[in-house]
């Protein structure tokens, strides 16, 4: 007789680990109208990105404490809201203009992959992890974000209602940021919109929040990593966007795609979107084991990583169209 204990393998939770760089450096997040503007527009973009990318690399090297920092670069193409031309035409143009500016794109991503990657409903899974912060003194009168598709960083102004008999109308109150510094900066973010036929369109800020979680190595569905890079082995690129993997590894010698921190160099028109991204990240319950894996690994490397997921994200907003 033995005291052996038998367990179902499926009953043991497992969270897949992913390799991590020190920094994920985004060299652009452009839309089809940016590509439609021609090579000169891309040329100006990368010319403005180059000095800030160098500065981000220098900062990562300083934080690495004298060790060689692991830094990977990425670029996100919008094929979700609009589609223009083909990967066969646009990707070589993009890579040529980046190379002209002395930049190399290690990983290429499609924004549609932040909505659905293969058969995985990525955005829907992240939406299921939203945990709203109730404003102080609230009584649950506001419908949840899962019902309305709107997420705020505080308390909205009360809705004016017609006064009942013998009662005065409610006095207007301003919105209030939950965690404000003297004055409120209130933001109400649309997460998605639903068409009459039930078709859901995810908003740009929500997909950008999913993109940041992927770059931080914190995106999981049922314990499995999502948006894993696929190697680029073909001579060229396909004619159809759906034939391009959601995340493509262009440089076989690149450092890992995901990282402890991210930095995005983008035009300043993205500032409102990225403010919304922070609001979303602050109210998303990230997979605890994925967080634990990053914490243990960074501690082993003696790399300081903020507890707040939103604080792991940084930006450079350059002036431009």
Protein backbone atom coordinates (compact mmCIF):
# COMPACT_ATOMS: atom_id res chain seq x y z
CA UNK A 1 0.00 0.00 0.00
CA UNK A 2 1.16 3.53 -0.76
CA UNK A 3 -0.07 7.00 0.11
CA UNK A 4 0.02 8.18 -3.51
CA UNK A 5 -2.38 10.98 -4.37
CA UNK A 6 -3.84 11.16 -7.85
CA UNK A 7 -5.01 14.43 -9.40
CA UNK A 8 -6.62 15.31 -12.70
CA UNK A 9 -4.08 17.22 -14.78
CA UNK A 10 -6.84 19.49 -16.07
CA UNK A 11 -7.72 20.42 -12.50
CA UNK A 12 -4.33 22.07 -11.94
CA UNK A 13 -4.38 25.69 -13.12
CA UNK A 14 -1.58 26.60 -15.46
CA UNK A 15 -0.60 30.03 -16.73
CA UNK A 16 1.80 30.07 -19.64
CA UNK A 17 4.92 32.17 -19.11
CA UNK A 18 6.29 34.40 -21.85
CA UNK A 19 9.84 35.72 -22.35
CA UNK A 20 10.26 39.38 -21.41
CA UNK A 21 12.48 42.18 -22.62
CA UNK A 22 13.23 45.26 -20.55
CA UNK A 23 11.44 47.56 -23.00
CA UNK A 24 8.92 47.24 -25.81
CA UNK A 25 9.50 50.27 -28.03
CA UNK A 26 6.65 51.14 -30.42
CA UNK A 27 7.86 53.00 -33.49
CA UNK A 28 4.42 53.87 -34.77
CA UNK A 29 0.70 53.23 -34.55
CA UNK A 30 -0.65 54.60 -37.80
CA UNK A 31 -3.90 54.30 -39.69
CA UNK A 32 -4.62 53.68 -43.32
CA UNK A 33 -4.93 57.40 -44.09
CA UNK A 34 -1.31 57.76 -42.92
CA UNK A 35 -0.19 55.19 -45.47
CA UNK A 36 -2.47 56.67 -48.11
CA UNK A 37 -0.60 59.97 -47.69
CA UNK A 38 2.39 58.31 -49.33
CA UNK A 39 6.06 57.53 -48.58
CA UNK A 40 6.85 61.15 -47.67
CA UNK A 41 4.42 61.03 -44.77
CA UNK A 42 6.03 57.84 -43.42
CA UNK A 43 9.45 59.40 -43.98
CA UNK A 44 8.54 62.42 -41.84
CA UNK A 45 7.09 60.14 -39.17
CA UNK A 46 10.21 58.01 -38.78
CA UNK A 47 12.48 61.07 -38.95
CA UNK A 48 10.68 62.45 -35.90
CA UNK A 49 10.60 59.09 -34.14
CA UNK A 50 14.35 58.41 -34.43
CA UNK A 51 15.72 60.84 -31.77
CA UNK A 52 13.02 59.88 -29.27
CA UNK A 53 13.62 56.19 -29.89
CA UNK A 54 17.32 56.74 -29.17
CA UNK A 55 16.39 58.54 -25.94
CA UNK A 56 14.10 55.67 -24.90
CA UNK A 57 16.91 53.19 -25.51
CA UNK A 58 19.30 55.27 -23.42
CA UNK A 59 16.78 55.42 -20.57
CA UNK A 60 16.28 51.65 -20.71
CA UNK A 61 20.05 51.13 -20.59
CA UNK A 62 20.28 53.33 -17.48
CA UNK A 63 17.51 51.35 -15.77
CA UNK A 64 19.23 48.07 -16.62
CA UNK A 65 22.04 48.92 -14.21
CA UNK A 66 24.96 48.53 -16.60
CA UNK A 67 23.71 45.32 -18.20
CA UNK A 68 22.75 45.13 -21.86
CA UNK A 69 19.06 46.02 -21.97
CA UNK A 70 16.75 43.76 -23.93
CA UNK A 71 14.79 46.08 -26.24
CA UNK A 72 12.41 45.06 -28.98
CA UNK A 73 10.67 47.35 -31.45
CA UNK A 74 7.16 47.01 -32.84
CA UNK A 75 4.76 48.72 -35.21
CA UNK A 76 0.95 48.51 -35.23
CA UNK A 77 -1.07 48.78 -38.44
CA UNK A 78 -4.78 49.53 -38.38
CA UNK A 79 -6.58 46.90 -40.43
CA UNK A 80 -9.60 46.89 -38.12
CA UNK A 81 -11.44 50.16 -38.79
CA UNK A 82 -10.39 50.55 -42.43
CA UNK A 83 -8.45 48.51 -44.94
CA UNK A 84 -6.21 50.01 -47.58
CA UNK A 85 -4.05 48.37 -50.20
CA UNK A 86 -2.38 45.10 -49.10
CA UNK A 87 0.46 43.83 -46.90
CA UNK A 88 2.40 43.01 -50.06
CA UNK A 89 2.43 46.71 -50.98
CA UNK A 90 2.47 48.48 -47.61
CA UNK A 91 4.79 46.43 -45.41
CA UNK A 92 7.87 46.71 -47.69
CA UNK A 93 7.23 50.47 -47.93
CA UNK A 94 6.99 50.74 -44.15
CA UNK A 95 10.18 48.77 -43.56
CA UNK A 96 12.09 50.71 -46.23
CA UNK A 97 11.19 54.08 -44.68
CA UNK A 98 12.06 52.84 -41.19
CA UNK A 99 15.43 51.63 -42.47
CA UNK A 100 16.02 54.98 -44.20
CA UNK A 101 15.72 56.64 -40.76
CA UNK A 102 18.08 54.11 -39.17
CA UNK A 103 15.31 52.18 -37.41
CA UNK A 104 14.47 48.48 -37.50
CA UNK A 105 11.00 47.02 -36.89
CA UNK A 106 11.31 43.71 -35.04
CA UNK A 107 7.61 42.92 -34.75
CA UNK A 108 4.66 43.91 -36.94
CA UNK A 109 1.13 43.71 -35.54
CA UNK A 110 -2.38 44.04 -36.99
CA UNK A 111 -4.88 45.97 -34.88
CA UNK A 112 -7.61 43.48 -35.77
CA UNK A 113 -5.60 40.91 -33.80
CA UNK A 114 -6.35 42.92 -30.66
CA UNK A 115 -10.04 42.20 -31.29
CA UNK A 116 -9.84 38.57 -32.40
CA UNK A 117 -6.62 36.60 -32.77
CA UNK A 118 -7.28 33.44 -34.72
CA UNK A 119 -10.31 32.00 -32.93
CA UNK A 120 -9.60 33.77 -29.63
CA UNK A 121 -11.96 36.69 -28.85
CA UNK A 122 -9.21 38.75 -27.23
CA UNK A 123 -11.09 42.02 -26.71
CA UNK A 124 -14.12 40.20 -25.32
CA UNK A 125 -11.91 38.38 -22.82
CA UNK A 126 -10.36 41.65 -21.62
CA UNK A 127 -13.81 43.26 -21.39
CA UNK A 128 -14.80 40.43 -19.06
CA UNK A 129 -12.03 41.51 -16.69
CA UNK A 130 -13.17 45.11 -16.25
CA UNK A 131 -13.65 46.01 -12.60
CA UNK A 132 -15.14 49.48 -12.26
CA UNK A 133 -14.05 51.73 -9.42
CA UNK A 134 -17.23 52.94 -7.69
CA UNK A 135 -17.06 56.67 -6.97
CA UNK A 136 -17.15 57.57 -3.26
CA UNK A 137 -20.72 57.84 -2.02
CA UNK A 138 -22.22 56.11 -5.05
CA UNK A 139 -25.13 53.72 -4.62
CA UNK A 140 -24.92 51.64 -7.74
CA UNK A 141 -27.39 53.77 -9.71
CA UNK A 142 -25.07 53.94 -12.73
CA UNK A 143 -25.42 50.93 -15.07
CA UNK A 144 -22.21 48.84 -15.28
CA UNK A 145 -19.76 49.23 -18.16
CA UNK A 146 -20.60 45.71 -19.32
CA UNK A 147 -24.11 46.98 -20.03
CA UNK A 148 -23.46 50.50 -21.31
CA UNK A 149 -20.08 50.13 -23.02
CA UNK A 150 -18.82 53.25 -21.24
CA UNK A 151 -16.14 53.42 -18.54
CA UNK A 152 -15.39 56.54 -16.46
CA UNK A 153 -12.60 57.52 -14.09
CA UNK A 154 -15.03 59.05 -11.61
CA UNK A 155 -18.58 60.16 -11.01
CA UNK A 156 -20.62 61.51 -13.90
CA UNK A 157 -22.87 64.54 -13.59
CA UNK A 158 -26.34 63.45 -12.46
CA UNK A 159 -28.93 63.22 -15.22
CA UNK A 160 -31.44 66.06 -15.05
CA UNK A 161 -34.96 64.77 -14.53
CA UNK A 162 -38.29 66.54 -14.81
CA UNK A 163 -39.43 67.56 -11.33
CA UNK A 164 -42.33 65.68 -9.81
CA UNK A 165 -45.30 67.55 -8.36
CA UNK A 166 -44.35 69.73 -5.41
CA UNK A 167 -40.66 68.88 -5.80
CA UNK A 168 -37.77 70.97 -7.05
CA UNK A 169 -35.56 69.87 -9.92
CA UNK A 170 -32.24 68.28 -8.99
CA UNK A 171 -29.39 70.76 -8.75
CA UNK A 172 -26.67 70.28 -11.36
CA UNK A 173 -23.42 68.80 -10.06
CA UNK A 174 -20.12 68.66 -11.94
CA UNK A 175 -18.44 65.33 -12.70
CA UNK A 176 -15.69 64.27 -10.28
CA UNK A 177 -12.53 62.30 -10.88
CA UNK A 178 -12.18 59.49 -8.32
CA UNK A 179 -8.49 60.17 -7.66
CA UNK A 180 -7.98 63.85 -8.39
CA UNK A 181 -5.23 66.30 -7.49
CA UNK A 182 -6.99 69.46 -6.36
CA UNK A 183 -9.01 69.66 -9.60
CA UNK A 184 -10.69 66.85 -11.52
CA UNK A 185 -9.80 65.65 -15.00
CA UNK A 186 -12.90 63.59 -15.74
CA UNK A 187 -12.96 61.17 -18.65
CA UNK A 188 -15.75 58.95 -19.93
CA UNK A 189 -14.50 56.33 -22.39
CA UNK A 190 -16.57 54.53 -25.01
CA UNK A 191 -15.40 50.92 -25.07
CA UNK A 192 -17.53 49.63 -27.93
CA UNK A 193 -20.60 50.31 -30.03
CA UNK A 194 -23.24 47.80 -31.10
CA UNK A 195 -24.99 47.89 -34.46
CA UNK A 196 -28.71 47.04 -34.74
CA UNK A 197 -27.77 43.62 -36.11
CA UNK A 198 -25.75 42.91 -32.94
CA UNK A 199 -22.34 43.39 -34.57
CA UNK A 200 -19.94 44.90 -32.02
CA UNK A 201 -17.21 47.36 -32.95
CA UNK A 202 -14.50 47.84 -30.33
CA UNK A 203 -13.25 51.38 -29.82
CA UNK A 204 -9.74 52.53 -30.63
CA UNK A 205 -8.88 53.18 -26.92
CA UNK A 206 -10.06 49.72 -25.90
CA UNK A 207 -8.05 47.96 -28.61
CA UNK A 208 -5.04 50.13 -27.66
CA UNK A 209 -5.42 48.96 -24.05
CA UNK A 210 -5.44 45.34 -25.25
CA UNK A 211 -2.31 46.14 -27.28
CA UNK A 212 -0.54 47.47 -24.18
CA UNK A 213 -1.45 44.37 -22.15
CA UNK A 214 -0.04 42.19 -24.93
CA UNK A 215 3.20 44.20 -25.02
CA UNK A 216 3.52 43.89 -21.23
CA UNK A 217 3.18 40.11 -21.47
CA UNK A 218 0.02 40.18 -19.32
CA UNK A 219 -2.57 39.00 -21.83
CA UNK A 220 -3.97 35.51 -21.15
CA UNK A 221 -7.11 33.60 -22.05
CA UNK A 222 -7.68 30.42 -20.04
CA UNK A 223 -4.05 30.60 -18.97
CA UNK A 224 -2.66 30.61 -22.50
CA UNK A 225 -0.61 33.49 -23.89
CA UNK A 226 -2.32 35.51 -26.61
CA UNK A 227 -0.78 37.30 -29.60
CA UNK A 228 2.36 35.20 -29.68
CA UNK A 229 4.77 36.24 -32.45
CA UNK A 230 4.87 34.10 -35.56
CA UNK A 231 8.16 33.93 -37.49
CA UNK A 232 8.27 35.50 -40.94
CA UNK A 233 9.75 32.87 -43.23
CA UNK A 234 8.20 33.79 -46.59
CA UNK A 235 10.02 35.83 -49.22
CA UNK A 236 7.31 38.47 -49.33
CA UNK A 237 3.99 39.38 -47.79
CA UNK A 238 0.46 38.26 -48.70
CA UNK A 239 -2.06 40.21 -50.75
CA UNK A 240 -4.79 39.91 -48.11
CA UNK A 241 -4.60 41.25 -44.55
CA UNK A 242 -6.36 38.18 -43.17
CA UNK A 243 -3.50 36.05 -44.46
CA UNK A 244 -0.98 37.99 -42.36
CA UNK A 245 -0.51 36.68 -38.77
CA UNK A 246 -1.81 39.03 -36.04
CA UNK A 247 1.76 39.42 -34.76
CA UNK A 248 4.71 38.80 -37.04
CA UNK A 249 8.35 38.48 -35.99
CA UNK A 250 10.39 40.13 -38.72
CA UNK A 251 13.80 39.95 -37.03
CA UNK A 252 14.76 36.39 -36.03
CA UNK A 253 17.43 37.76 -33.64
CA UNK A 254 15.11 40.24 -31.93
CA UNK A 255 14.71 40.39 -28.16
CA UNK A 256 11.33 39.15 -26.84
CA UNK A 257 8.23 41.01 -27.98
CA UNK A 258 6.73 41.44 -24.49
CA UNK A 259 8.54 43.51 -21.88
CA UNK A 260 8.46 44.84 -18.33
CA UNK A 261 7.73 48.31 -19.68
CA UNK A 262 6.48 49.86 -22.89
CA UNK A 263 7.20 53.13 -24.64
CA UNK A 264 5.28 54.38 -27.67
CA UNK A 265 6.49 57.20 -29.92
CA UNK A 266 3.37 58.57 -31.62
CA UNK A 267 1.95 61.87 -32.96
CA UNK A 268 0.33 64.10 -30.36
CA UNK A 269 -3.14 63.46 -31.82
CA UNK A 270 -2.99 60.14 -29.95
CA UNK A 271 -2.87 61.84 -26.53
CA UNK A 272 -6.67 61.65 -25.86
CA UNK A 273 -6.72 57.99 -26.87
CA UNK A 274 -3.82 57.10 -24.60
CA UNK A 275 -5.40 58.96 -21.66
CA UNK A 276 -8.39 56.67 -22.20
CA UNK A 277 -6.05 53.66 -22.30
CA UNK A 278 -4.80 54.50 -18.81
CA UNK A 279 -8.36 54.74 -17.51
CA UNK A 280 -9.08 51.29 -18.94
CA UNK A 281 -5.88 49.71 -17.60
CA UNK A 282 -6.53 51.13 -14.14
CA UNK A 283 -9.85 49.27 -14.06
CA UNK A 284 -8.83 45.96 -15.61
CA UNK A 285 -8.19 42.92 -13.44
CA UNK A 286 -5.06 41.44 -15.00
CA UNK A 287 -4.36 37.70 -14.70
CA UNK A 288 -2.75 37.44 -11.22
CA UNK A 289 -0.35 34.66 -12.18
CA UNK A 290 0.86 36.61 -15.23
CA UNK A 291 1.52 39.54 -12.92
CA UNK A 292 3.30 37.25 -10.49
CA UNK A 293 5.51 35.81 -13.20
CA UNK A 294 6.62 39.30 -14.27
CA UNK A 295 7.19 40.31 -10.64
CA UNK A 296 9.31 37.26 -9.83
CA UNK A 297 11.38 37.57 -12.97
CA UNK A 298 12.02 41.30 -12.57
CA UNK A 299 12.99 40.77 -8.92
CA UNK A 300 15.46 38.09 -10.01
CA UNK A 301 17.01 40.53 -12.47
CA UNK A 302 16.91 43.38 -9.92
CA UNK A 303 14.75 45.42 -12.31
CA UNK A 304 12.24 47.82 -10.77
CA UNK A 305 8.75 47.44 -12.21
CA UNK A 306 5.81 49.57 -10.97
CA UNK A 307 2.99 47.74 -9.23
CA UNK A 308 0.44 49.63 -11.32
CA UNK A 309 0.07 48.21 -14.82
CA UNK A 310 -0.75 51.67 -16.19
CA UNK A 311 2.50 53.03 -14.74
CA UNK A 312 4.48 50.51 -16.81
CA UNK A 313 3.34 52.32 -19.95
CA UNK A 314 5.04 55.48 -21.23
CA UNK A 315 4.82 57.68 -24.29
CA UNK A 316 6.54 60.29 -26.38
CA UNK A 317 4.07 62.54 -28.21
CA UNK A 318 5.77 64.41 -30.99
CA UNK A 319 4.22 67.41 -32.74
CA UNK A 320 2.84 66.50 -36.12
CA UNK A 321 -0.21 65.56 -38.16
